[in-house]
Protein backbone atom coordinates (compact mmCIF):
# COMPACT_ATOMS: atom_id res chain seq x y z
CA MET A 1 9.07 -16.62 -17.04
CA LYS A 2 6.54 -14.01 -16.65
CA LEU A 3 5.14 -12.70 -13.23
CA ALA A 4 1.64 -12.78 -14.47
CA ASP A 5 1.69 -16.86 -14.83
CA ILE A 6 2.53 -17.39 -11.21
CA MET A 7 -0.89 -17.28 -9.91
CA ALA A 8 -1.97 -20.24 -11.99
CA ASP A 9 1.27 -22.38 -11.35
CA MET A 10 3.21 -21.01 -8.43
CA LYS A 11 3.11 -24.52 -6.61
CA GLY A 12 3.22 -26.39 -10.20
CA GLU A 13 6.21 -27.14 -12.35
CA MET A 14 6.62 -23.37 -13.27
CA GLY A 15 6.89 -22.66 -9.76
CA GLN A 16 9.44 -25.33 -9.09
CA GLU A 17 11.74 -24.41 -12.60
CA TRP A 18 11.56 -20.55 -10.52
CA GLU A 19 12.79 -21.51 -7.38
CA LYS A 20 15.76 -23.94 -9.03
CA LYS A 21 16.87 -20.50 -10.75
CA GLY A 22 16.90 -18.92 -7.20
CA PHE A 23 13.43 -16.70 -7.39
CA GLN A 24 12.33 -16.97 -3.84
CA MET A 25 8.69 -17.62 -3.97
CA PRO A 26 5.53 -16.43 -1.95
CA LYS A 27 5.08 -19.30 0.96
CA PHE A 28 1.25 -18.57 1.11
CA ASP A 29 -1.55 -18.97 -0.64
CA ILE A 30 -1.84 -15.38 -2.47
CA GLY A 31 -5.80 -16.05 -4.01
CA ALA A 32 -6.95 -16.18 0.04
CA LEU A 33 -4.77 -13.31 1.12
CA LYS A 34 -6.60 -11.37 -1.52
CA ALA A 35 -9.92 -12.36 -0.66
CA ARG A 36 -9.36 -11.63 3.27
CA THR A 37 -7.64 -8.59 2.80
CA HIS A 38 -10.36 -7.26 0.30
CA LYS A 39 -13.05 -7.71 3.19
CA ALA A 40 -11.17 -6.84 6.12
CA PRO A 41 -8.51 -4.33 5.27
CA VAL A 42 -6.10 -2.96 7.71
CA TRP A 43 -3.42 -1.07 5.57
CA VAL A 44 -3.32 1.28 2.65
CA HIS A 45 0.02 2.94 1.26
CA PHE A 46 0.06 6.05 -0.59
CA GLY A 47 2.92 5.67 -2.97
CA ALA A 48 3.34 2.97 -5.38
CA GLY A 49 7.22 3.83 -6.42
CA ASN A 50 10.07 1.76 -6.13
CA LEU A 51 10.95 2.38 -2.55
CA PHE A 52 7.24 1.13 -1.31
CA ARG A 53 7.75 -2.23 -3.25
CA ALA A 54 11.53 -2.80 -2.14
CA PHE A 55 11.00 -2.24 1.62
CA PRO A 56 7.20 -1.96 2.95
CA ALA A 57 5.91 -4.33 0.70
CA ALA A 58 8.78 -6.73 1.26
CA VAL A 59 9.12 -5.93 5.08
CA LEU A 60 5.11 -7.50 4.93
CA GLN A 61 5.92 -10.13 2.58
CA ARG A 62 8.68 -11.49 5.25
CA VAL A 63 6.17 -11.40 7.69
CA LEU A 64 3.41 -13.50 5.53
CA ASP A 65 5.95 -15.95 4.66
CA SER A 66 6.34 -16.51 8.66
CA GLY A 67 2.62 -17.63 8.57
CA THR A 68 2.25 -15.54 11.71
CA TYR A 69 -0.01 -13.04 9.77
CA ASP A 70 -2.99 -13.13 7.20
CA ARG A 71 -3.72 -9.41 5.17
CA GLY A 72 -1.82 -7.84 2.57
CA VAL A 73 -1.43 -4.20 2.01
CA ILE A 74 -3.15 -2.30 -0.62
CA VAL A 75 -1.78 0.47 -2.56
CA ALA A 76 -3.09 3.80 -3.55
CA GLU A 77 -1.23 6.57 -6.01
CA GLY A 78 -2.00 10.00 -6.03
CA PHE A 79 0.55 11.43 -8.53
CA ASP A 80 1.63 9.39 -11.67
CA PHE A 81 -1.32 7.01 -12.08
CA GLU A 82 0.46 5.21 -15.20
CA ILE A 83 2.52 3.50 -12.66
CA ILE A 84 -0.77 1.68 -11.74
CA ASP A 85 -1.53 0.88 -15.39
CA LYS A 86 1.66 0.15 -16.32
CA ALA A 87 3.61 -1.75 -13.53
CA TYR A 88 1.28 -3.24 -11.33
CA ARG A 89 -2.47 -4.14 -12.76
CA PRO A 90 -0.78 -6.06 -15.70
CA TYR A 91 1.42 -8.09 -13.37
CA ASP A 92 -1.42 -9.10 -10.90
CA ASN A 93 0.07 -6.74 -8.51
CA LEU A 94 3.18 -8.88 -8.04
CA SER A 95 6.66 -7.72 -8.56
CA LEU A 96 10.21 -8.88 -8.58
CA LEU A 97 12.79 -7.55 -5.63
CA VAL A 98 16.12 -7.84 -6.72
CA VAL A 99 18.76 -7.20 -4.07
CA LEU A 100 22.17 -6.14 -5.07
CA GLN A 101 24.83 -7.68 -2.92
CA PRO A 102 28.29 -5.67 -2.83
CA ARG A 103 30.37 -8.27 -4.39
CA GLY A 104 27.97 -8.39 -7.69
CA SER A 105 25.49 -11.09 -7.12
CA ILE A 106 21.99 -10.72 -6.65
CA GLU A 107 18.80 -12.32 -4.88
CA LYS A 108 15.44 -12.53 -6.40
CA LYS A 109 12.45 -12.35 -4.09
CA VAL A 110 8.74 -12.35 -5.81
CA VAL A 111 6.54 -9.95 -3.95
CA ALA A 112 2.76 -10.70 -3.66
CA SER A 113 1.96 -8.82 -0.34
CA VAL A 114 0.24 -6.13 -2.64
CA THR A 115 -3.41 -7.22 -3.03
CA GLU A 116 -4.93 -4.23 -4.75
CA SER A 117 -3.56 -1.15 -6.63
CA LEU A 118 -5.66 1.90 -6.92
CA LYS A 119 -5.54 5.44 -8.37
CA ALA A 120 -6.41 7.82 -5.82
CA ALA A 121 -8.45 10.50 -7.47
CA PRO A 122 -12.00 11.21 -7.71
CA TRP A 123 -12.25 11.30 -11.09
CA PHE A 124 -11.43 7.70 -10.93
CA GLU A 125 -14.40 6.85 -10.12
CA GLN A 126 -14.27 2.90 -9.01
CA ASP A 127 -11.15 3.45 -7.61
CA TRP A 128 -12.25 6.50 -5.38
CA ALA A 129 -15.67 4.70 -4.52
CA ARG A 130 -13.18 1.32 -2.98
CA LEU A 131 -11.36 3.90 -1.17
CA VAL A 132 -13.80 5.73 0.31
CA GLU A 133 -15.35 2.06 1.57
CA ILE A 134 -11.76 1.02 2.86
CA PHE A 135 -11.55 4.46 4.78
CA ARG A 136 -15.03 3.63 6.35
CA ASN A 137 -13.99 0.09 7.27
CA PRO A 138 -13.71 0.22 11.41
CA GLY A 139 -10.77 -2.22 11.15
CA LEU A 140 -8.75 -0.02 8.96
CA GLN A 141 -5.70 0.53 11.08
CA MET A 142 -2.90 2.40 8.81
CA ILE A 143 -2.36 4.70 5.86
CA SER A 144 1.10 5.10 5.13
CA PHE A 145 3.10 7.25 3.06
CA THR A 146 6.17 7.32 0.26
CA ILE A 147 5.34 10.05 -1.48
CA THR A 148 8.76 12.13 -1.06
CA GLU A 149 9.12 15.20 0.94
CA LYS A 150 7.38 17.77 -1.45
CA GLY A 151 4.44 15.40 -1.59
CA TYR A 152 3.13 16.72 1.75
CA GLY A 153 3.23 20.48 0.43
CA VAL A 154 -0.02 22.25 0.92
CA SER A 155 -0.99 25.12 -1.59
CA ALA A 156 -3.21 28.19 -0.79
CA GLN A 157 -4.96 27.57 -4.22
CA ASP A 158 -5.62 24.08 -3.21
CA LEU A 159 -7.00 24.81 0.26
CA GLU A 160 -9.55 27.04 -1.98
CA ARG A 161 -10.88 24.26 -3.74
CA GLY A 162 -12.79 23.20 -0.90
CA LEU A 163 -14.10 19.44 -1.51
CA SER A 164 -12.18 19.20 -4.46
CA PRO A 165 -8.70 19.31 -4.02
CA GLY A 166 -5.90 18.64 -6.41
CA MET A 167 -2.90 17.82 -4.15
CA VAL A 168 -2.17 14.36 -2.31
CA MET A 169 -2.48 15.22 1.00
CA GLY A 170 -6.15 16.86 0.11
CA ARG A 171 -7.41 13.91 -1.25
CA VAL A 172 -6.20 11.84 2.04
CA THR A 173 -8.06 14.27 4.12
CA LEU A 174 -10.86 14.14 2.03
CA LEU A 175 -11.06 10.25 3.05
CA LEU A 176 -10.26 10.99 6.40
CA TYR A 177 -13.49 12.79 6.14
CA GLU A 178 -15.37 10.06 4.97
CA ARG A 179 -14.06 8.00 8.05
CA TYR A 180 -15.20 10.86 10.34
CA LEU A 181 -18.72 10.38 8.96
CA ALA A 182 -18.53 6.68 9.19
CA GLY A 183 -18.12 7.22 13.03
CA ALA A 184 -14.79 9.34 13.42
CA ARG A 185 -13.09 5.84 14.17
CA PRO A 186 -9.37 6.09 15.18
CA LEU A 187 -6.55 5.39 12.38
CA THR A 188 -2.85 5.95 12.50
CA LEU A 189 -1.26 8.40 9.41
CA GLN A 190 2.46 6.79 9.24
CA SER A 191 4.74 8.72 7.00
CA MET A 192 7.64 6.71 5.87
CA ASP A 193 9.63 9.21 3.92
CA ASN A 194 12.94 10.58 4.54
CA CYS A 195 12.26 13.89 5.77
CA SER A 196 13.11 15.14 9.43
CA HIS A 197 9.71 14.67 11.68
CA ASN A 198 7.91 13.26 8.70
CA GLY A 199 4.94 12.37 10.78
CA ASP A 200 4.52 16.45 12.22
CA ARG A 201 4.27 16.98 8.16
CA VAL A 202 1.44 14.68 7.88
CA ARG A 203 -0.29 16.42 10.58
CA GLU A 204 0.06 19.71 9.42
CA ALA A 205 -0.80 19.14 5.81
CA VAL A 206 -4.31 17.52 6.92
CA THR A 207 -4.98 20.15 9.45
CA ALA A 208 -4.44 22.52 7.24
CA TYR A 209 -7.01 21.42 4.68
CA GLY A 210 -9.12 20.96 7.84
CA GLU A 211 -9.12 24.70 9.01
CA ALA A 212 -9.48 25.92 5.30
CA TRP A 213 -12.85 23.61 4.90
CA VAL A 214 -14.26 24.60 8.44
CA ARG A 215 -13.73 28.26 7.91
CA GLN A 216 -15.45 27.81 4.37
CA GLY A 217 -18.47 26.13 6.16
CA LEU A 218 -17.85 22.80 3.98
CA VAL A 219 -17.12 20.33 7.16
CA PRO A 220 -18.17 21.00 10.98
CA SER A 221 -15.36 22.08 13.32
CA ALA A 222 -15.85 18.78 14.93
CA PHE A 223 -13.66 16.97 11.90
CA LEU A 224 -11.02 19.26 12.57
CA SER A 225 -10.84 18.08 16.28
CA TYR A 226 -11.02 14.80 14.92
CA VAL A 227 -7.62 15.16 12.74
CA ARG A 228 -5.89 17.44 15.68
CA ASP A 229 -6.38 14.55 18.28
CA PRO A 230 -3.44 12.24 18.34
CA ALA A 231 -5.49 9.78 20.87
CA ARG A 232 -8.23 9.33 17.33
CA VAL A 233 -5.52 10.31 14.56
CA SER A 234 -2.28 9.54 15.16
CA CYS A 235 0.86 10.52 12.78
CA PRO A 236 3.57 8.60 14.37
CA TRP A 237 7.59 9.81 13.58
CA SER A 238 9.62 7.28 11.54
CA MET A 239 13.36 7.13 9.91
CA ILE A 240 13.75 5.22 6.93
CA ASP A 241 16.92 4.13 4.96
CA LYS A 242 17.29 2.49 1.99
CA ILE A 243 18.47 3.09 -1.68
CA THR A 244 16.24 2.29 -4.66
CA PRO A 245 17.63 3.00 -8.01
CA ARG A 246 16.37 3.32 -11.39
CA PRO A 247 16.22 -0.17 -13.37
CA ASP A 248 19.71 -1.33 -13.55
CA ALA A 249 20.66 -2.52 -17.25
CA ARG A 250 22.81 -5.09 -15.77
CA VAL A 251 20.40 -6.51 -13.73
CA GLN A 252 18.19 -6.34 -16.50
CA GLN A 253 20.95 -8.50 -18.58
CA MET A 254 21.27 -10.67 -15.76
CA LEU A 255 17.26 -11.46 -15.27
CA SER A 256 17.01 -11.94 -19.13
CA GLY A 257 19.71 -14.39 -19.15
CA GLU A 258 17.61 -16.08 -16.42
CA GLY A 259 14.71 -16.71 -18.64
CA PHE A 260 12.89 -13.81 -16.57
CA GLU A 261 10.63 -12.03 -19.46
CA ASP A 262 9.69 -9.20 -17.28
CA ASN A 263 12.91 -7.58 -17.33
CA TYR A 264 12.23 -3.94 -19.30
CA THR A 265 12.21 -0.17 -17.84
CA ILE A 266 8.91 1.62 -18.01
CA LEU A 267 9.14 5.29 -18.23
CA THR A 268 5.70 7.09 -17.45
CA GLU A 269 4.66 10.52 -19.14
CA LYS A 270 5.62 12.13 -15.55
CA ASN A 271 9.33 10.65 -16.00
CA THR A 272 9.04 7.87 -13.31
CA TYR A 273 11.31 5.37 -14.01
CA THR A 274 9.73 1.91 -12.75
CA ALA A 275 9.38 -2.01 -13.97
CA PRO A 276 8.04 -5.33 -12.95
CA PHE A 277 10.93 -5.78 -11.11
CA VAL A 278 12.57 -3.31 -8.61
CA ASN A 279 16.55 -3.36 -7.72
CA ALA A 280 17.69 -2.15 -4.39
CA GLU A 281 20.17 -2.49 -2.22
CA GLU A 282 20.29 -5.12 0.52
CA THR A 283 20.82 -2.75 3.79
CA GLU A 284 17.66 -1.30 5.09
CA TYR A 285 16.37 0.59 8.34
CA LEU A 286 13.18 1.50 9.41
CA VAL A 287 12.38 2.64 13.35
CA ILE A 288 8.81 3.91 13.90
CA GLU A 289 7.48 5.45 16.86
CA ASP A 290 4.96 2.89 18.32
CA SER A 291 1.88 5.23 18.49
CA TYR A 292 -1.20 3.34 16.81
CA VAL A 293 -4.49 3.96 18.07
CA ASN A 294 -6.51 1.37 16.20
CA GLY A 295 -3.64 -1.28 16.04
CA ARG A 296 -1.40 -2.25 13.53
CA PRO A 297 0.33 -5.27 11.55
CA PRO A 298 3.25 -6.80 13.17
CA LEU A 299 5.89 -5.54 10.98
CA GLU A 300 8.66 -5.88 13.65
CA LEU A 301 8.24 -9.64 12.28
CA GLY A 302 10.17 -7.91 9.14
CA GLY A 303 12.36 -6.28 10.54
CA VAL A 304 10.80 -2.76 11.55
CA LEU A 305 12.06 -1.38 14.94
CA PHE A 306 9.13 0.17 16.71
CA SER A 307 10.11 2.56 19.43
CA ASP A 308 9.61 6.00 20.95
CA ARG A 309 9.89 9.30 19.40
CA GLU A 310 13.09 10.22 21.07
CA THR A 311 14.66 6.90 19.68
CA VAL A 312 13.32 8.05 16.21
CA GLU A 313 14.84 11.34 16.60
CA LYS A 314 18.37 10.13 17.86
CA ALA A 315 18.11 7.54 14.82
CA GLU A 316 17.50 10.35 12.28
CA ARG A 317 20.18 12.36 13.88
CA MET A 318 22.92 9.86 13.74
CA LYS A 319 21.92 8.96 10.28
CA VAL A 320 21.70 12.64 8.88
CA CYS A 321 24.05 14.39 10.69
CA ALA A 322 26.70 12.04 11.85
CA CYS A 323 27.43 8.52 9.89
CA LEU A 324 26.00 8.77 6.82
CA ASN A 325 24.71 11.91 4.95
CA PRO A 326 27.86 13.98 6.24
CA LEU A 327 29.73 11.27 4.25
CA HIS A 328 27.55 11.98 0.86
CA THR A 329 28.43 15.35 0.94
CA ALA A 330 32.17 15.17 1.40
CA MET A 331 31.99 12.56 -1.63
CA ALA A 332 30.09 14.68 -3.45
CA VAL A 333 31.76 18.11 -3.47
CA PHE A 334 35.67 15.93 -3.57
CA GLY A 335 34.20 13.75 -6.50
CA CYS A 336 32.94 17.12 -8.61
CA LEU A 337 36.28 18.73 -7.91
CA LEU A 338 38.13 15.03 -8.42
CA GLY A 339 36.14 14.14 -11.80
CA TYR A 340 34.64 11.48 -10.18
CA GLU A 341 30.95 9.95 -11.84
CA LEU A 342 30.42 7.13 -9.35
CA ILE A 343 30.03 7.07 -5.45
CA SER A 344 31.32 3.69 -5.55
CA ALA A 345 34.39 4.42 -7.79
CA GLN A 346 35.43 6.92 -5.27
CA MET A 347 35.52 4.13 -2.34
CA GLN A 348 38.80 3.10 -4.33
CA ASP A 349 40.85 6.49 -3.97
CA GLN A 350 42.55 5.88 -0.80
CA ASP A 351 42.66 9.88 0.04
CA ILE A 352 38.50 9.87 -0.24
CA ARG A 353 38.37 6.65 2.05
CA GLY A 354 40.71 8.25 4.42
CA LEU A 355 38.73 11.60 4.48
CA LEU A 356 35.20 9.27 5.04
CA GLU A 357 36.94 7.28 8.04
CA GLY A 358 38.32 10.99 9.51
CA LEU A 359 35.26 12.38 9.05
CA GLY A 360 32.58 9.62 10.72
CA ARG A 361 34.65 7.84 12.91
CA ARG A 362 37.39 10.66 14.48
CA GLU A 363 34.83 13.35 14.58
CA ALA A 364 31.61 12.54 14.20
CA MET A 365 31.51 9.44 16.24
CA PRO A 366 32.24 11.49 19.82
CA VAL A 367 29.04 13.43 19.75
CA VAL A 368 26.38 11.08 17.66
CA ALA A 369 23.18 10.51 19.56
CA ASP A 370 23.13 6.74 19.93
CA PRO A 371 19.73 5.60 19.58
CA GLY A 372 19.97 2.10 20.89
CA VAL A 373 18.28 0.10 18.35
CA ILE A 374 21.30 0.57 16.07
CA LYS A 375 24.62 0.69 16.86
CA PRO A 376 25.81 3.85 15.20
CA GLY A 377 29.67 2.16 14.87
CA ALA A 378 28.05 -0.75 13.01
CA PHE A 379 25.95 1.25 10.90
CA LEU A 380 28.85 3.44 9.72
CA ASP A 381 30.85 0.06 8.97
CA GLU A 382 28.00 -1.05 6.54
CA VAL A 383 27.96 2.06 5.10
CA LEU A 384 31.67 2.41 4.43
CA ASN A 385 32.15 -1.69 3.58
CA ARG A 386 29.19 -2.34 1.97
CA ARG A 387 26.98 0.65 0.88
CA LEU A 388 29.22 2.92 -0.61
CA PRO A 389 31.40 0.65 -2.18
CA ASN A 390 28.37 -1.41 -3.87
CA ALA A 391 29.04 -0.73 -7.47
CA PHE A 392 25.41 -1.61 -8.55
CA LEU A 393 24.44 1.41 -7.20
CA PRO A 394 24.93 3.89 -9.60
CA ASP A 395 24.69 7.42 -7.79
CA ALA A 396 26.90 9.74 -8.92
CA PRO A 397 28.50 13.01 -6.54
CA GLN A 398 27.01 15.43 -9.15
CA ARG A 399 23.50 14.19 -7.84
CA ILE A 400 24.25 14.26 -4.48
CA ALA A 401 25.61 17.52 -4.53
CA THR A 402 22.35 19.41 -5.51
CA ASP A 403 21.22 21.59 -2.94
CA THR A 404 24.09 21.58 -0.99
CA SER A 405 23.49 24.72 0.53
CA GLN A 406 20.13 23.88 2.17
CA LYS A 407 22.25 20.59 3.61
CA LEU A 408 25.29 21.98 5.15
CA SER A 409 23.88 23.31 8.71
CA ILE A 410 22.10 19.74 9.36
CA ARG A 411 24.77 17.76 8.08
CA PHE A 412 27.66 19.39 9.53
CA GLY A 413 26.41 22.49 11.78
CA GLU A 414 24.70 20.16 14.08
CA THR A 415 28.00 18.45 15.08
CA VAL A 416 29.89 21.47 15.51
CA LYS A 417 26.87 22.42 17.80
CA ALA A 418 26.82 18.99 19.73
CA TYR A 419 31.02 19.66 20.42
CA GLN A 420 30.08 23.22 21.71
CA ALA A 421 27.02 21.57 23.94
CA ARG A 422 29.56 19.31 25.62
CA GLY A 423 32.38 21.31 26.10
CA LEU A 424 34.44 19.92 23.80
CA GLY A 425 36.85 21.68 22.01
CA THR A 426 36.71 21.92 17.77
CA GLU A 427 40.78 22.44 17.66
CA GLY A 428 41.02 18.93 17.01
CA LEU A 429 38.82 19.09 14.12
CA VAL A 430 40.27 18.58 10.74
CA PHE A 431 38.26 17.02 8.39
CA LEU A 432 34.89 18.93 8.67
CA PRO A 433 36.59 21.93 8.00
CA LEU A 434 37.95 20.56 5.01
CA VAL A 435 34.74 19.36 3.62
CA LEU A 436 33.52 23.17 4.32
CA ALA A 437 36.65 24.66 2.83
CA ALA A 438 36.30 22.21 -0.43
CA TYR A 439 32.92 23.68 -0.57
CA GLY A 440 34.33 27.04 -1.01
CA ARG A 441 36.66 25.69 -3.78
CA TYR A 442 33.57 23.56 -5.43
CA LEU A 443 31.62 27.05 -5.68
CA LYS A 444 34.38 28.30 -8.21
CA GLY A 445 33.35 25.66 -10.99
CA ILE A 446 36.60 24.91 -11.76
CA ASP A 447 38.03 21.11 -11.21
CA ASP A 448 41.12 19.97 -10.32
CA GLN A 449 42.36 19.52 -13.51
CA GLY A 450 41.54 23.42 -14.05
CA ARG A 451 38.64 22.19 -16.28
CA PRO A 452 35.44 24.37 -15.86
CA PHE A 453 32.10 22.00 -14.38
CA GLU A 454 28.88 22.83 -14.09
CA PRO A 455 28.15 22.95 -10.30
CA SER A 456 24.56 20.85 -9.48
CA PRO A 457 21.43 23.02 -9.01
CA ASP A 458 20.97 25.01 -5.91
CA PRO A 459 18.76 27.64 -5.08
CA LEU A 460 21.25 29.66 -3.75
CA LEU A 461 24.35 28.79 -6.31
CA GLY A 462 24.51 32.09 -7.99
CA GLU A 463 24.59 33.90 -4.98
CA LEU A 464 27.38 31.93 -3.22
CA SER A 465 29.51 31.60 -6.68
CA ALA A 466 29.18 35.54 -6.78
CA ILE A 467 31.20 35.57 -3.51
CA VAL A 468 34.31 33.20 -4.79
CA ALA A 469 34.19 35.03 -8.09
CA PRO A 470 36.95 37.37 -7.37
CA LEU A 471 39.21 34.49 -6.54
CA GLU A 472 41.48 32.48 -9.18
CA VAL A 473 42.50 28.59 -9.23
CA ARG A 474 46.34 29.38 -9.64
CA GLN A 475 49.78 29.52 -7.47
CA GLY A 476 50.69 32.60 -5.93
CA GLU A 477 49.46 35.19 -3.87
CA GLN A 478 45.71 36.74 -3.77
CA ASP A 479 43.15 38.05 -1.82
CA PHE A 480 41.10 35.52 0.28
CA SER A 481 39.01 37.96 2.12
CA CYS A 482 35.82 37.04 0.52
CA LEU A 483 36.18 33.87 2.02
CA LYS A 484 34.79 35.92 5.54
CA ILE A 485 31.85 36.46 3.98
CA LEU A 486 31.15 33.22 2.42
CA TYR A 487 32.17 31.18 5.78
CA GLY A 488 30.31 33.97 8.06
CA ARG A 489 26.96 32.81 6.48
CA LYS A 490 25.28 31.09 9.72
CA ASP A 491 22.30 30.65 7.54
CA ILE A 492 24.28 28.16 5.26
CA PHE A 493 26.38 26.53 7.96
CA GLY A 494 24.11 26.61 10.74
CA VAL A 495 26.58 27.62 13.56
CA ASP A 496 28.93 31.11 13.86
CA LEU A 497 31.97 29.47 12.72
CA TYR A 498 34.18 31.85 13.67
CA ALA A 499 32.69 32.14 16.96
CA ALA A 500 33.04 27.89 17.00
CA GLY A 501 37.38 28.44 16.42
CA LEU A 502 36.92 27.14 12.79
CA GLY A 503 36.57 29.98 10.51
CA GLU A 504 40.20 31.04 10.19
CA ARG A 505 41.23 27.09 9.81
CA ILE A 506 38.62 26.76 7.22
CA GLU A 507 39.88 29.81 4.91
CA GLU A 508 43.12 28.62 5.39
CA MET A 509 42.77 25.27 4.04
CA THR A 510 40.24 26.69 1.27
CA ALA A 511 43.02 28.99 -0.18
CA ARG A 512 45.71 25.84 -0.36
CA LEU A 513 42.68 24.27 -2.33
CA TYR A 514 42.73 27.28 -4.71
CA LYS A 515 46.74 26.96 -5.10
CA GLY A 516 46.38 25.65 -8.82
CA PRO A 517 45.60 22.53 -10.66
CA GLY A 518 46.18 19.93 -8.34
CA ALA A 519 45.94 21.79 -5.34
CA VAL A 520 42.83 20.06 -4.14
CA ARG A 521 44.38 16.26 -4.28
CA ARG A 522 47.68 17.59 -3.03
CA THR A 523 45.77 19.06 0.29
CA LEU A 524 43.57 16.11 0.49
CA HIS A 525 46.08 13.65 0.36
CA GLU A 526 48.48 15.70 2.88
CA TYR A 527 45.58 15.80 5.72
CA VAL A 528 44.85 12.53 5.18
CA CYS A 529 48.11 11.20 5.53
CA GLY A 530 48.95 13.83 8.52
CA HIS A 531 46.21 12.07 10.44
């Protein structure tokens, strides 16, 4: 059983055999979909990685299966071109989505919504010519992105390269110039990346290139007016939430046992892990600002939530500041200190679970911004009871602890600000200050058994670790005054913790966590059981 065989016999004996083994097959004519989309494209997606196949492409698959829509999506890859050669074209752009259930079972669905795969660079002449043709098509509605936050970067060097940019957003702007030349037709640039105010990142990037090219006399100033005009080029915000781990060996074994032969991992020279299949958690959220200037695919039929910008902002803050990301950081710092290597294993620890329950339900929930389209309580329930305990998702506290200094102000400082803004006292907060105290213990690089460990990469790791260098993990009196330097860092925590009435309490908690081997477990247990 191979993906490439589906086109030839989707409704014949082979298709029936796949369905008997639990593979959900496309309910539409793939060949007809490709022909219609090639002639009249409406959606191009930049970023051919696992998230795209597991989420936006799968959303469109559901819409197509409903029989209410008849256009596919064209994927373009601007960074790792090997993905196109090794994970798309050999399988006729089909993929197998494997949904990882918390109970250890999997769901399998053949995704056939991708009709073309292109390399988005001018030196791939045939592919680039096709992209130019697509961008000049008046019916093109949406360009979307899952290129990671760094994909929106712009360098001074690339701006100086004029109309031969090397970075992805430069090439996107070059294609926008083709659309401008074809009549300045409207288009929506839709980021689906996991970064705040992501639509602004898109507009800032294309505007930077437009400004540089106008300054260099390479394009008319009217082109810059075009990309700046939200009525002609819109860049809506979105909030996306879905975990798509690397290809999992257990999934490969399960697929092999069912006769699926395309069950191997592909590792590109640029260190991208992909496969003919993509495994992903079942939970997914995509909230998009409904600001489209040339129409859009009816993705709401596949589960996308369209709303206004304020709602997207609230959904983002709910996730990042209250119901998910702060819990991740809590698990990261305590997980490293307590010797855990899997997030799912931590969820079996009643002290850790109690910390998360207290942090989310008792302390974050009273000040969470309710987006309306997603209920914060239900979102948090799913995080605690389905997502974090899912043993299929091999996430590690050590990975999540990366760049913690860059995350604390958003994940915890915003909650403190919300308490202050609402006139609520912070004296009842226990679990939030406990996590910040644990960070002061984590920076020491000694776990709860007294063994050294390497803290995860962080741009400020050396600087912040030096602050706690005088402290020792031992019983007895010692001078903890250096903690005032750490917890006085408003640039790290986003607020003045002392003015908020939390600084001294965090210092006290941190001192307890330093009281020799076993102090982390003992302190955590006492606070969880006492509250």
